[in-house]
Amino acid sequence: MRQVRIISLKWKALWGLSLVLFCNIAALSWLSYSNLWDQFEAARAAEEAVYVREIQVLLRQINVRLQQLSSGLPGLREAL
């Protein structure tokens, strides 16, 4: 015959409270992770926007400089 083990109320309460505590810690960890991920995505998007603006400014400057250089080419041909 099998002997049935009886777990005392103290251990049942301990296991129950441990499970509740573990679930709370897991939920708080997930919320923290989710918040940090959102902050990271926002920072990355802001940084990308800054880089896009910088590249656009550089391209405009290159365009202006090339136009300035090309405007001198007809005068150079006449000099030759």
Foldseek 3Di string as FASTA:
>chain_A
DDDDDDDDPVVVVVVVVVVVVVVVVVVVVVVVVVVVVVVVVVVVVVVVVVVVVVVVVVVVVVVVVVVVVVVCVVVVVVVD
